[in-house]
Amino acid sequence: MIALRLFCRLLLLCVGLSVLPAVSHAQNVGGSALRACVAPARAGDRPQDMLRVGTVRDGGRFDCDTRQTAFGPGDFWVRVSLPADAGVTPRLLRSASVWRESAVLYVRYADGFIVREETSDRAASRTLRLGAIFEQAIPVRGVAARTALWYVKGASNARGIIADPRLTTPAAAHRAEIRITAFYGAFLGLCGALLVYNLALWLVLRHRFQLSYCLLLLALGGYAFSSSGMFALIWPDFANTFRLRLNHLTL
């Protein structure tokens, strides 16, 4: 009976482990999905030029049809067109966390003005929201923002360069964060309850496998803690790639 219970719990935990990345990625479902166009970086590229370069179909460099992961690792330009309300009312650019050394965001407005924001690996943790989502606000200038352009350096491109980019409102982003907080809070509470329960059983029964099961629970809790972005919220001074390494280690 004990072995059957252990098997059922391990099965449930494995299912939870497989669902966690999908749940985290699903938190970026609000707002408007943006079509990303990718161009591998070349020596001498300037952001002013890359904001004007056309697509491959027009004889330019930006590819809007090929999957991002097909480009492999490296340095890239990623460009998206923005809806008319961006730059006029508060809007947030959100994308799923991926491995990269640094990124520079350029936002061009209808009057030709360009806003630049550089995000290093360490600074990326400060833009991370629960659900492991990068979030950057588009400055409101009273003029429509036409285009957003990222220069991404050192992208591993395992999941994408700018993965699932979306434009959303602060209110929609807040609602998504509340949902993911409830999910991860419940999941970590379950891990904690099972850990205490099995430690109490081990004190009485002294089965060696119970300690292995407790180590599994600790690793699973650590995986949820790091993959959800909670780690970056508590320790924002650590580089985002350090959080991802911790994520892989606990997995």
Protein backbone atom coordinates (compact mmCIF):
# COMPACT_ATOMS: atom_id res chain seq x y z
CA MET A 1 0.00 0.00 0.00
CA ILE A 2 2.82 2.40 0.87
CA ALA A 3 4.53 1.63 -2.45
CA LEU A 4 1.27 2.31 -4.35
CA ARG A 5 0.80 5.64 -2.59
CA LEU A 6 4.38 6.60 -3.36
CA PHE A 7 3.93 5.70 -7.02
CA CYS A 8 0.75 7.80 -7.29
CA ARG A 9 2.45 10.80 -5.69
CA LEU A 10 5.48 10.50 -7.93
CA LEU A 11 3.19 10.29 -10.96
CA LEU A 12 1.33 13.44 -9.91
CA LEU A 13 4.58 15.29 -9.28
CA CYS A 14 5.98 14.30 -12.68
CA VAL A 15 2.80 15.54 -14.35
CA GLY A 16 3.12 18.80 -12.42
CA LEU A 17 6.76 19.11 -13.45
CA SER A 18 5.83 18.78 -17.12
CA VAL A 19 2.99 21.30 -16.81
CA LEU A 20 4.97 24.05 -15.04
CA PRO A 21 6.82 25.43 -18.10
CA ALA A 22 3.59 25.48 -20.13
CA VAL A 23 1.74 27.28 -17.35
CA SER A 24 4.53 29.82 -17.05
CA HIS A 25 4.57 30.43 -20.80
CA ALA A 26 0.75 30.73 -20.85
CA GLN A 27 0.86 33.79 -18.61
CA ASN A 28 1.77 35.90 -21.62
CA VAL A 29 -1.60 35.34 -23.31
CA GLY A 30 -3.11 38.77 -22.63
CA GLY A 31 -3.02 41.73 -24.98
CA SER A 32 -2.17 41.76 -28.67
CA ALA A 33 0.20 39.21 -30.15
CA LEU A 34 2.94 40.89 -32.19
CA ARG A 35 4.44 39.42 -35.34
CA ALA A 36 8.20 39.31 -34.91
CA CYS A 37 10.56 39.66 -37.87
CA VAL A 38 14.17 38.51 -37.45
CA ALA A 39 17.43 39.56 -39.10
CA PRO A 40 20.82 38.10 -38.10
CA ALA A 41 23.14 40.90 -37.01
CA ARG A 42 26.03 41.97 -39.22
CA ALA A 43 29.07 44.12 -38.56
CA GLY A 44 28.31 47.78 -39.09
CA ASP A 45 24.55 47.52 -38.50
CA ARG A 46 22.95 50.67 -37.09
CA PRO A 47 19.53 50.78 -35.40
CA GLN A 48 18.43 53.74 -37.54
CA ASP A 49 19.04 51.64 -40.65
CA MET A 50 17.47 48.48 -39.23
CA LEU A 51 14.29 50.40 -38.45
CA ARG A 52 13.96 51.14 -42.17
CA VAL A 53 15.17 47.87 -43.72
CA GLY A 54 12.40 45.90 -45.40
CA THR A 55 11.46 42.22 -45.22
CA VAL A 56 12.91 39.35 -47.25
CA ARG A 57 9.84 39.44 -49.48
CA ASP A 58 10.68 43.04 -50.36
CA GLY A 59 14.34 42.32 -50.90
CA GLY A 60 15.31 43.33 -47.34
CA ARG A 61 16.80 41.38 -44.46
CA PHE A 62 13.96 40.79 -41.99
CA ASP A 63 12.36 37.34 -42.14
CA CYS A 64 8.82 37.32 -40.73
CA ASP A 65 7.89 33.76 -41.72
CA THR A 66 10.70 31.47 -40.50
CA ARG A 67 10.50 30.18 -36.91
CA GLN A 68 12.94 32.03 -34.68
CA THR A 69 14.59 28.83 -33.44
CA ALA A 70 15.55 27.94 -37.03
CA PHE A 71 18.17 30.73 -37.01
CA GLY A 72 20.26 29.06 -34.29
CA PRO A 73 22.28 30.93 -31.64
CA GLY A 74 23.95 34.28 -32.19
CA ASP A 75 23.22 38.03 -32.33
CA PHE A 76 19.98 39.25 -33.91
CA TRP A 77 17.71 42.17 -34.69
CA VAL A 78 14.03 41.54 -33.95
CA ARG A 79 11.39 44.02 -35.11
CA VAL A 80 7.64 44.31 -34.47
CA SER A 81 5.03 46.83 -35.60
CA LEU A 82 3.00 48.43 -32.79
CA PRO A 83 -0.72 49.26 -32.66
CA ALA A 84 -1.75 52.91 -32.90
CA ASP A 85 -2.46 53.31 -29.16
CA ALA A 86 1.15 52.52 -28.17
CA GLY A 87 2.97 55.63 -27.04
CA VAL A 88 -0.29 57.47 -26.48
CA THR A 89 -1.65 55.42 -23.57
CA PRO A 90 0.33 53.21 -21.14
CA ARG A 91 1.29 49.95 -22.81
CA LEU A 92 3.69 47.14 -21.85
CA LEU A 93 5.85 44.98 -24.09
CA ARG A 94 5.95 41.43 -22.71
CA SER A 95 7.86 38.37 -23.88
CA ALA A 96 8.85 35.03 -22.38
CA SER A 97 12.21 34.81 -20.63
CA VAL A 98 14.97 33.29 -22.77
CA TRP A 99 18.74 32.90 -22.50
CA ARG A 100 20.59 35.96 -23.79
CA GLU A 101 23.62 38.04 -22.82
CA SER A 102 21.97 41.43 -23.30
CA ALA A 103 19.30 43.26 -25.27
CA VAL A 104 18.73 46.83 -26.42
CA LEU A 105 15.19 48.00 -27.15
CA TYR A 106 14.58 50.84 -29.62
CA VAL A 107 11.10 52.35 -29.96
CA ARG A 108 10.47 54.67 -32.91
CA TYR A 109 7.59 57.15 -32.76
CA ALA A 110 5.56 58.68 -35.57
CA ASP A 111 7.54 61.93 -35.33
CA GLY A 112 10.82 60.06 -35.88
CA PHE A 113 11.97 60.21 -32.24
CA ILE A 114 13.70 57.02 -31.00
CA VAL A 115 13.80 55.87 -27.38
CA ARG A 116 16.61 53.49 -26.40
CA GLU A 117 16.70 51.15 -23.38
CA GLU A 118 19.57 48.75 -22.77
CA THR A 119 19.08 45.65 -20.62
CA SER A 120 22.12 43.68 -19.51
CA ASP A 121 21.96 40.12 -18.23
CA ARG A 122 21.87 41.38 -14.65
CA ALA A 123 19.36 44.16 -15.38
CA ALA A 124 17.09 41.63 -17.12
CA SER A 125 16.16 40.20 -13.71
CA ARG A 126 14.67 43.59 -12.78
CA THR A 127 12.34 43.48 -15.80
CA LEU A 128 11.19 39.92 -14.99
CA ARG A 129 7.65 39.39 -13.75
CA LEU A 130 6.05 36.34 -12.18
CA GLY A 131 5.65 33.67 -14.82
CA ALA A 132 9.20 34.40 -16.09
CA ILE A 133 7.98 37.17 -18.39
CA PHE A 134 10.13 40.10 -19.49
CA GLU A 135 8.14 43.32 -19.21
CA GLN A 136 9.12 46.77 -20.51
CA ALA A 137 6.95 49.88 -20.59
CA ILE A 138 6.67 51.96 -23.75
CA PRO A 139 7.24 55.61 -22.76
CA VAL A 140 4.10 57.72 -23.23
CA ARG A 141 4.91 60.83 -25.27
CA GLY A 142 1.48 61.65 -26.68
CA VAL A 143 2.74 60.47 -30.07
CA ALA A 144 2.02 57.04 -31.53
CA ALA A 145 4.88 54.55 -31.28
CA ARG A 146 5.21 52.83 -34.64
CA THR A 147 7.95 50.22 -34.26
CA ALA A 148 9.84 48.31 -31.58
CA LEU A 149 13.28 46.94 -32.43
CA TRP A 150 15.49 44.72 -30.26
CA TYR A 151 19.17 44.10 -30.72
CA VAL A 152 19.74 40.80 -28.90
CA LYS A 153 23.29 39.70 -28.19
CA GLY A 154 24.30 36.14 -27.28
CA ALA A 155 20.90 34.50 -27.78
CA SER A 156 20.91 30.74 -27.31
CA ASN A 157 17.65 30.65 -29.31
CA ALA A 158 16.45 27.39 -27.76
CA ARG A 159 12.89 28.75 -27.37
CA GLY A 160 13.22 31.89 -29.43
CA ILE A 161 15.03 35.23 -29.58
CA ILE A 162 12.10 37.42 -28.47
CA ALA A 163 9.66 34.67 -27.53
CA ASP A 164 5.92 35.34 -27.88
CA PRO A 165 6.08 39.16 -27.93
CA ARG A 166 2.84 40.88 -26.91
CA LEU A 167 1.57 44.36 -26.21
CA THR A 168 -0.75 44.66 -23.23
CA THR A 169 -2.14 47.13 -20.71
CA PRO A 170 -0.88 47.40 -17.12
CA ALA A 171 -4.30 46.20 -15.87
CA ALA A 172 -4.24 43.05 -18.04
CA ALA A 173 -0.66 42.30 -16.98
CA HIS A 174 -1.66 42.70 -13.33
CA ARG A 175 -4.57 40.25 -13.73
CA ALA A 176 -2.28 37.68 -15.35
CA GLU A 177 0.20 38.07 -12.50
CA ILE A 178 -2.52 37.46 -9.90
CA ARG A 179 -3.52 34.21 -11.64
CA ILE A 180 0.02 32.90 -11.84
CA THR A 181 0.68 33.91 -8.22
CA ALA A 182 -2.30 31.82 -7.11
CA PHE A 183 -1.12 28.84 -9.16
CA TYR A 184 2.48 28.85 -7.95
CA GLY A 185 1.42 29.61 -4.38
CA ALA A 186 -0.82 26.54 -4.39
CA PHE A 187 1.84 24.39 -6.05
CA LEU A 188 4.60 25.36 -3.62
CA GLY A 189 2.16 24.93 -0.72
CA LEU A 190 1.47 21.39 -1.93
CA CYS A 191 5.20 20.66 -2.14
CA GLY A 192 5.71 22.03 1.38
CA ALA A 193 2.82 20.01 2.82
CA LEU A 194 4.06 16.78 1.23
CA LEU A 195 7.59 17.48 2.46
CA VAL A 196 6.48 17.95 6.09
CA TYR A 197 4.19 14.92 5.88
CA ASN A 198 6.88 12.60 4.54
CA LEU A 199 9.53 13.86 6.93
CA ALA A 200 7.13 13.06 9.77
CA LEU A 201 6.60 9.58 8.33
CA TRP A 202 10.34 9.06 8.02
CA LEU A 203 10.82 9.85 11.71
CA VAL A 204 8.50 6.94 12.51
CA LEU A 205 9.06 4.42 9.70
CA ARG A 206 12.71 5.15 8.81
CA HIS A 207 12.43 3.98 5.19
CA ARG A 208 15.37 5.24 3.16
CA PHE A 209 13.25 5.92 0.06
CA GLN A 210 11.29 8.53 2.03
CA LEU A 211 14.37 10.73 2.23
CA SER A 212 14.84 10.37 -1.54
CA TYR A 213 11.22 11.39 -1.97
CA CYS A 214 11.82 14.47 0.22
CA LEU A 215 14.83 15.41 -1.90
CA LEU A 216 12.62 15.11 -4.98
CA LEU A 217 10.11 17.48 -3.38
CA LEU A 218 12.86 19.98 -2.55
CA ALA A 219 14.15 19.86 -6.13
CA LEU A 220 10.63 20.25 -7.53
CA GLY A 221 9.93 23.20 -5.25
CA GLY A 222 13.26 24.75 -6.27
CA TYR A 223 12.40 24.25 -9.92
CA ALA A 224 9.03 25.98 -9.50
CA PHE A 225 10.69 28.76 -7.47
CA SER A 226 13.28 29.46 -10.17
CA SER A 227 11.25 28.81 -13.32
CA SER A 228 8.36 30.99 -12.13
CA GLY A 229 10.58 34.04 -11.74
CA MET A 230 10.09 34.24 -7.94
CA PHE A 231 13.86 33.96 -7.54
CA ALA A 232 14.37 37.17 -9.55
CA LEU A 233 11.70 39.02 -7.57
CA ILE A 234 13.43 38.22 -4.28
CA TRP A 235 17.03 38.53 -5.53
CA PRO A 236 16.89 40.95 -8.50
CA ASP A 237 20.64 41.58 -8.44
CA PHE A 238 21.44 38.10 -9.76
CA ALA A 239 21.80 37.74 -13.54
CA ASN A 240 18.89 36.14 -15.34
CA THR A 241 21.19 33.46 -16.78
CA PHE A 242 22.11 32.49 -13.20
CA ARG A 243 18.39 31.91 -12.53
CA LEU A 244 18.16 29.78 -15.67
CA ARG A 245 21.20 27.73 -14.60
CA LEU A 246 19.52 27.16 -11.22
CA ASN A 247 16.39 26.18 -13.10
CA HIS A 248 18.28 23.54 -15.11
CA LEU A 249 20.10 22.27 -12.00
CA THR A 250 16.90 21.68 -10.01
CA LEU A 251 15.26 20.07 -13.04
